[in-house]
């Protein structure tokens, strides 16, 4: 398992160590088709933002839009990569997809940064799927269980570190989600109630964002159920597609 840089020719140039700081190449190159992409990062934490699109607030029917960012966490054990299976918990029939722009924090981290300083803390951008057990979310009055199951945070397929270089602006990207060929979500990050600099600054006043941490910025309207045997594809322009299958849960115990 190693990090690499994907170039425009479909080749992955392997690097030594992690991608933060000065990159050193090993000299090994692989065709992208010959490698298995894992989650491009395993963060110490995934900081998520709820109710950050007005149309999603309206469809959820759980009150008005928040006056400040609504934060919650997903554990690192929920993170999976492209092609991995989202595992539905036993007895659950209401697990939803939530396509989101994911912001990856860079080498300097972020602690008590201003909105003007916030983007200097960003390493790059990728796609996230904030998978949620909706019945548990409604019954628990807090969201840890509903959003924290193993496999409930697909991230990938790669981290784009230079969106401007490909003519894209993270403040105005199309975000879509397709389930079994049906388009469910179609929004733009220009509709975020709280933009990326605001989110990073706000979170950094509460907790230190470490290198590799991920901020999920919220989901547009159109969330809906996933079913065992299906597949879900989240796509963001400039960032590719993140596709995962949906299976039943693995209930193998660690106990001996």
Foldseek 3Di string as FASTA:
>chain_A
DFAFDQDPVQKTFTWPDAPADDTHTPPDIDRNVPDDFKFQFQFQWEKEWEQFFQQACVVVPPDHRDPATDIDIEHSQQEIEFAAAQADEPPADWKKKFKFKKWFFHAVWFAQDALVCQVVRTQFIWIKIQIFRVVCCVPVVDGHVGRHDRNRIYIDDHGDRCQVVVVDDQCWKWKWKAKQNRTQATDTSVRGNAHDSRVRNVVNHPDIGHGGYMYTRYGHPRMGGDDAPIKMWMDIPPHGIGIHHYHHDDPDDPDD
